[in-house]
Protein backbone atom coordinates (compact mmCIF):
# COMPACT_ATOMS: atom_id res chain seq x y z
CA MET A 1 -25.87 -37.75 -12.84
CA SER A 2 -26.81 -35.80 -9.76
CA GLY A 3 -26.61 -35.70 -5.99
CA PRO A 4 -23.98 -37.91 -4.29
CA GLU A 5 -23.08 -39.57 -7.62
CA ALA A 6 -22.07 -36.19 -9.05
CA ALA A 7 -20.04 -35.43 -5.98
CA THR A 8 -18.20 -38.72 -6.32
CA ALA A 9 -17.46 -38.25 -10.00
CA ARG A 10 -16.15 -34.69 -9.45
CA ALA A 11 -13.98 -35.83 -6.53
CA GLU A 12 -12.49 -38.71 -8.52
CA SER A 13 -11.88 -36.78 -11.73
CA GLY A 14 -10.12 -33.76 -10.15
CA SER A 15 -6.74 -33.61 -8.34
CA PRO A 16 -6.82 -32.75 -4.64
CA ILE A 17 -5.36 -29.31 -5.31
CA ARG A 18 -7.95 -28.59 -8.02
CA VAL A 19 -10.79 -29.69 -5.72
CA PHE A 20 -9.65 -27.39 -2.97
CA TRP A 21 -9.17 -24.54 -5.42
CA VAL A 22 -12.69 -24.93 -6.75
CA TYR A 23 -14.15 -25.04 -3.25
CA ARG A 24 -11.74 -22.53 -1.64
CA SER A 25 -14.54 -19.97 -0.96
CA PHE A 26 -16.76 -22.60 0.55
CA ILE A 27 -13.97 -23.85 2.80
CA TRP A 28 -12.95 -20.34 3.89
CA ARG A 29 -16.52 -19.22 4.58
CA SER A 30 -17.30 -22.42 6.52
CA ALA A 31 -14.17 -22.05 8.67
CA LEU A 32 -14.97 -18.38 9.42
CA HIS A 33 -18.59 -19.29 10.18
CA ASP A 34 -17.45 -21.93 12.63
CA LEU A 35 -15.16 -19.45 14.31
CA ARG A 36 -17.82 -16.82 14.58
CA TYR A 37 -20.66 -19.04 15.78
CA ARG A 38 -18.80 -21.62 17.83
CA TYR A 39 -20.01 -19.86 20.95
CA VAL A 40 -23.34 -18.61 19.61
CA GLY A 41 -25.81 -17.87 22.38
CA SER A 42 -23.19 -16.66 24.83
CA ALA A 43 -22.96 -12.98 25.73
CA LEU A 44 -19.43 -12.53 24.47
CA GLY A 45 -19.89 -14.65 21.35
CA MET A 46 -16.84 -14.91 19.11
CA PHE A 47 -14.70 -13.10 21.71
CA TRP A 48 -14.43 -16.49 23.48
CA ASN A 49 -12.00 -17.46 20.70
CA VAL A 50 -9.55 -14.98 22.17
CA LEU A 51 -10.54 -15.21 25.88
CA ILE A 52 -10.20 -18.97 26.27
CA PRO A 53 -6.59 -19.34 24.99
CA LEU A 54 -5.69 -16.09 26.77
CA ALA A 55 -7.04 -17.51 30.03
CA GLN A 56 -5.13 -20.76 29.51
CA ILE A 57 -1.87 -18.93 29.06
CA LEU A 58 -2.40 -16.68 32.03
CA ILE A 59 -3.31 -19.62 34.27
CA TYR A 60 -0.19 -21.52 33.24
CA ALA A 61 1.87 -18.37 33.90
CA ALA A 62 0.37 -18.03 37.39
CA VAL A 63 0.72 -21.69 38.34
CA PHE A 64 4.18 -22.39 36.98
CA SER A 65 5.82 -19.05 37.88
CA SER A 66 4.22 -18.50 41.34
CA VAL A 67 2.32 -21.37 42.78
CA MET A 68 4.46 -24.20 41.43
CA PRO A 69 7.60 -22.45 40.19
CA VAL A 70 9.47 -24.58 37.65
CA ARG A 71 12.59 -23.41 35.89
CA LEU A 72 14.32 -24.61 32.76
CA ALA A 73 18.04 -25.16 32.77
CA GLY A 74 19.66 -22.40 30.74
CA ALA A 75 16.52 -20.28 30.75
CA ALA A 76 16.71 -17.65 33.46
CA PRO A 77 13.20 -16.03 33.50
CA ALA A 78 10.81 -17.35 36.08
CA ASN A 79 8.14 -17.82 33.36
CA ALA A 80 10.43 -19.93 31.09
CA PHE A 81 8.53 -23.14 31.81
CA THR A 82 5.21 -21.35 31.05
CA ILE A 83 6.55 -20.47 27.58
CA TYR A 84 7.80 -24.00 27.16
CA LEU A 85 4.45 -25.49 28.14
CA CYS A 86 2.44 -23.19 25.90
CA ALA A 87 4.84 -23.72 22.98
CA GLY A 88 3.95 -27.42 23.00
CA LEU A 89 0.41 -27.57 24.45
CA LEU A 90 -1.28 -24.84 22.41
CA PRO A 91 -0.21 -26.43 19.06
CA TRP A 92 -1.17 -29.89 20.42
CA ILE A 93 -4.64 -28.65 21.27
CA GLY A 94 -5.03 -27.33 17.70
CA PHE A 95 -3.69 -30.51 16.18
CA SER A 96 -5.96 -32.63 18.35
CA GLU A 97 -8.97 -30.53 17.38
CA CYS A 98 -8.06 -30.96 13.71
CA VAL A 99 -7.84 -34.77 14.04
CA ALA A 100 -10.94 -35.16 16.20
CA ARG A 101 -13.18 -32.96 14.15
CA GLY A 102 -11.99 -34.58 10.93
CA THR A 103 -12.76 -38.02 12.38
CA ASN A 104 -16.34 -37.10 13.17
CA CYS A 105 -16.81 -34.84 10.15
CA PHE A 106 -18.66 -37.21 7.81
CA LEU A 107 -21.11 -38.28 10.51
CA GLU A 108 -21.80 -34.68 11.55
CA ASN A 109 -22.34 -33.61 7.95
CA ALA A 110 -24.25 -36.68 6.81
CA ASN A 111 -27.27 -34.66 5.63
CA TYR A 112 -25.06 -32.43 3.46
CA LEU A 113 -23.15 -35.31 2.04
CA LYS A 114 -26.36 -37.03 1.01
CA LYS A 115 -27.81 -33.95 -0.73
CA LEU A 116 -24.95 -31.79 -1.97
CA PRO A 117 -22.51 -32.51 -4.80
CA ILE A 118 -19.48 -31.57 -2.63
CA PRO A 119 -16.45 -33.91 -2.39
CA GLU A 120 -16.04 -35.54 1.01
CA GLN A 121 -12.56 -34.15 1.66
CA VAL A 122 -13.84 -30.58 1.43
CA PHE A 123 -15.77 -31.01 4.72
CA VAL A 124 -12.61 -32.28 6.39
CA ALA A 125 -10.68 -29.27 5.04
CA CYS A 126 -13.34 -26.92 6.46
CA ASN A 127 -12.70 -28.30 9.95
CA ALA A 128 -8.92 -28.29 9.50
CA VAL A 129 -8.93 -24.61 8.38
CA GLY A 130 -11.19 -23.68 11.32
CA ALA A 131 -8.92 -25.48 13.76
CA THR A 132 -5.89 -23.76 12.23
CA LEU A 133 -7.46 -20.30 12.53
CA SER A 134 -8.21 -21.00 16.19
CA LEU A 135 -4.65 -22.15 16.70
CA GLY A 136 -3.38 -19.03 14.95
CA ILE A 137 -5.19 -16.91 17.51
CA SER A 138 -3.57 -18.83 20.33
CA MET A 139 -0.09 -18.57 18.90
CA ALA A 140 -0.59 -14.82 18.25
CA LEU A 141 -1.57 -14.39 21.90
CA LEU A 142 1.52 -16.43 23.00
CA PHE A 143 3.74 -14.12 20.92
CA LEU A 144 2.06 -11.02 22.49
CA LEU A 145 2.28 -12.26 26.08
CA ALA A 146 5.84 -13.53 25.64
CA SER A 147 6.76 -10.00 24.63
CA VAL A 148 4.96 -8.63 27.74
CA PHE A 149 6.83 -11.16 29.92
CA GLY A 150 10.11 -9.86 28.56
CA TRP A 151 10.86 -13.01 26.61
CA LYS A 152 13.49 -12.65 23.91
CA ILE A 153 11.87 -12.86 20.51
CA THR A 154 14.32 -14.10 17.84
CA TRP A 155 14.26 -14.58 14.09
CA ALA A 156 13.65 -18.25 14.76
CA TRP A 157 10.05 -17.38 15.65
CA SER A 158 9.44 -16.73 11.98
CA SER A 159 9.54 -20.50 11.41
CA ILE A 160 6.57 -21.07 13.71
CA ALA A 161 3.89 -20.46 11.12
CA LEU A 162 5.26 -23.02 8.67
CA VAL A 163 5.78 -25.61 11.40
CA VAL A 164 2.21 -25.12 12.56
CA LEU A 165 0.85 -25.44 9.06
CA LEU A 166 2.79 -28.68 8.50
CA LEU A 167 1.48 -30.00 11.83
CA GLN A 168 -2.07 -29.21 10.74
CA ALA A 169 -1.44 -30.91 7.39
CA LEU A 170 -0.58 -34.07 9.41
CA GLY A 171 -3.86 -33.55 11.35
CA PHE A 172 -5.82 -33.13 8.14
CA GLY A 173 -4.48 -36.37 6.72
CA LEU A 174 -5.19 -38.30 9.87
CA GLY A 175 -8.70 -36.76 10.05
CA LEU A 176 -9.42 -37.72 6.48
CA ALA A 177 -8.33 -41.34 6.98
CA LEU A 178 -10.00 -41.79 10.35
CA GLY A 179 -13.15 -39.93 9.22
CA SER A 180 -13.54 -42.34 6.34
CA LEU A 181 -13.06 -45.39 8.60
CA ASN A 182 -15.30 -43.92 11.27
CA VAL A 183 -18.31 -44.14 8.98
CA PHE A 184 -18.00 -47.91 9.06
CA PHE A 185 -16.33 -48.48 12.43
CA ARG A 186 -17.85 -45.93 14.78
CA ASP A 187 -15.92 -47.03 17.80
CA ILE A 188 -12.98 -45.13 16.27
CA GLY A 189 -14.62 -41.79 17.14
CA GLN A 190 -15.24 -43.00 20.71
CA ALA A 191 -11.70 -44.25 21.26
CA LEU A 192 -9.90 -41.31 19.61
CA PRO A 193 -9.93 -38.99 22.72
CA ILE A 194 -8.16 -41.72 24.69
CA VAL A 195 -5.61 -42.32 21.91
CA LEU A 196 -4.90 -38.60 21.59
CA GLN A 197 -4.48 -38.24 25.29
CA LEU A 198 -2.08 -41.20 25.38
CA TRP A 199 -0.26 -39.83 22.34
CA MET A 200 0.24 -36.50 24.05
CA TRP A 201 1.87 -38.10 27.00
CA LEU A 202 4.15 -40.11 24.76
CA THR A 203 5.26 -36.82 23.18
CA PRO A 204 7.38 -34.23 25.07
CA VAL A 205 4.58 -31.64 25.05
CA VAL A 206 4.44 -30.74 28.69
CA TYR A 207 7.68 -32.24 29.90
CA LEU A 208 11.34 -32.13 28.82
CA LYS A 209 12.48 -34.98 26.56
CA GLU A 210 15.66 -35.24 28.68
CA ILE A 211 13.67 -36.69 31.61
CA LEU A 212 12.84 -39.80 29.61
CA PRO A 213 14.92 -42.94 29.94
CA PRO A 214 17.55 -43.30 27.13
CA ALA A 215 15.55 -46.17 25.59
CA LEU A 216 12.49 -43.98 25.14
CA GLN A 217 14.55 -41.03 23.91
CA ALA A 218 15.93 -43.28 21.24
CA VAL A 219 12.51 -44.07 19.80
CA LEU A 220 11.14 -40.52 19.98
CA PRO A 221 11.97 -39.83 16.30
CA CYS A 222 9.48 -42.62 15.37
CA ASN A 223 6.70 -40.55 16.91
CA PRO A 224 5.09 -38.49 14.00
CA ALA A 225 4.26 -35.59 16.31
CA PHE A 226 7.71 -35.32 17.92
CA PRO A 227 9.61 -33.33 15.23
CA PHE A 228 6.83 -30.67 15.15
CA ILE A 229 6.73 -30.19 18.94
CA ASP A 230 10.50 -30.34 19.25
CA ALA A 231 10.88 -27.76 16.46
CA LEU A 232 8.36 -25.42 18.15
CA HIS A 233 10.17 -25.75 21.51
CA ALA A 234 13.51 -25.08 19.76
CA ALA A 235 12.23 -21.90 18.04
CA ILE A 236 10.12 -20.44 20.82
CA VAL A 237 11.99 -21.42 23.96
CA TRP A 238 15.62 -21.60 22.85
CA GLY A 239 15.51 -19.26 19.90
CA GLU A 240 16.99 -21.87 17.56
CA TRP A 241 15.99 -22.58 14.04
CA PRO A 242 14.60 -26.10 13.37
CA THR A 243 17.27 -28.35 12.01
CA GLY A 244 17.42 -29.92 8.54
CA TRP A 245 16.30 -33.17 10.25
CA HIS A 246 13.23 -31.41 11.67
CA TRP A 247 12.26 -29.99 8.25
CA GLY A 248 12.80 -33.25 6.41
CA VAL A 249 10.73 -35.35 8.79
CA MET A 250 7.97 -32.71 9.16
CA LEU A 251 7.64 -32.43 5.36
CA PHE A 252 7.52 -36.22 5.14
CA TRP A 253 4.66 -36.63 7.61
CA ALA A 254 2.81 -33.56 6.30
CA ALA A 255 2.81 -35.15 2.85
CA ALA A 256 2.43 -38.79 3.80
CA ALA A 257 -0.64 -38.39 6.09
CA PRO A 258 -2.84 -36.69 3.41
CA LEU A 259 -1.72 -39.27 0.85
CA VAL A 260 -2.76 -42.09 3.22
CA GLY A 261 -6.01 -40.21 3.94
CA TYR A 262 -6.81 -39.93 0.21
CA PHE A 263 -6.01 -43.59 -0.33
CA VAL A 264 -8.40 -44.66 2.46
CA LEU A 265 -11.06 -42.30 1.22
CA GLY A 266 -10.64 -43.49 -2.35
CA ARG A 267 -11.16 -47.07 -1.32
CA LEU A 268 -14.23 -46.35 0.86
CA ARG A 269 -15.81 -43.48 -1.12
CA PRO A 270 -18.27 -45.66 -3.18
CA GLU A 271 -19.94 -46.81 0.05
CA ILE A 272 -19.64 -43.82 2.37
CA ARG A 273 -22.77 -41.90 1.35
CA ASP A 274 -24.85 -45.09 1.32
CA VAL A 275 -23.82 -46.03 4.81
CA LEU A 276 -24.38 -42.57 6.33
């Protein structure tokens, strides 16, 4: 047995954790390679990984503290809304990248999937780790600039890393499921940017949940992304630890999405490499 058949047999015989452990070096090297060469050919190269999120944060700070000053009730600093916006939008960008790249992963790596005995989910994991590293840079810059702005850094900020990792686990699971389906129904990849944009506006990423009508506020907990964004806003903006409800729901979605992704992949795996 060789080629794609060997890959299928190995993926089906090993547990997800074992597969990722076996391919951990490949996943890590691929993610770092993506981070280093994402802007290959440009004069500044990998420094754009820092400059782009830095520019985003500074633009938000300039617009929402000077040009269009917006203040949060109970948050005195003029740049409070900038922190609020970045606390939701930067993680959402990382999450969206994780889902979108996972959805197109099998099509983009068709040649490798046809030739190399590597389980399909490993390629989705490479993209998820790359998106998470990029998000980590953005959040580190937010922490640095919040300190420069004079924002109060509390112990609740120590919860941010785990919340972000759980959010990216949700993104990995969705990317795995949608990537498997996208091989057969390629309109999914075309429609996904619209769906993600709509999803963002249905989630209090760039606005306060309190401005929503009571009926919409009541259904917010049904939105899988809401507990993650709400927990990040609570920790970063208000200095409050995520509640037990936050942790329970985040853990549920972070576990359920990969399980669904593996189920969909398992059902479609026998045909994926033949269709690519």
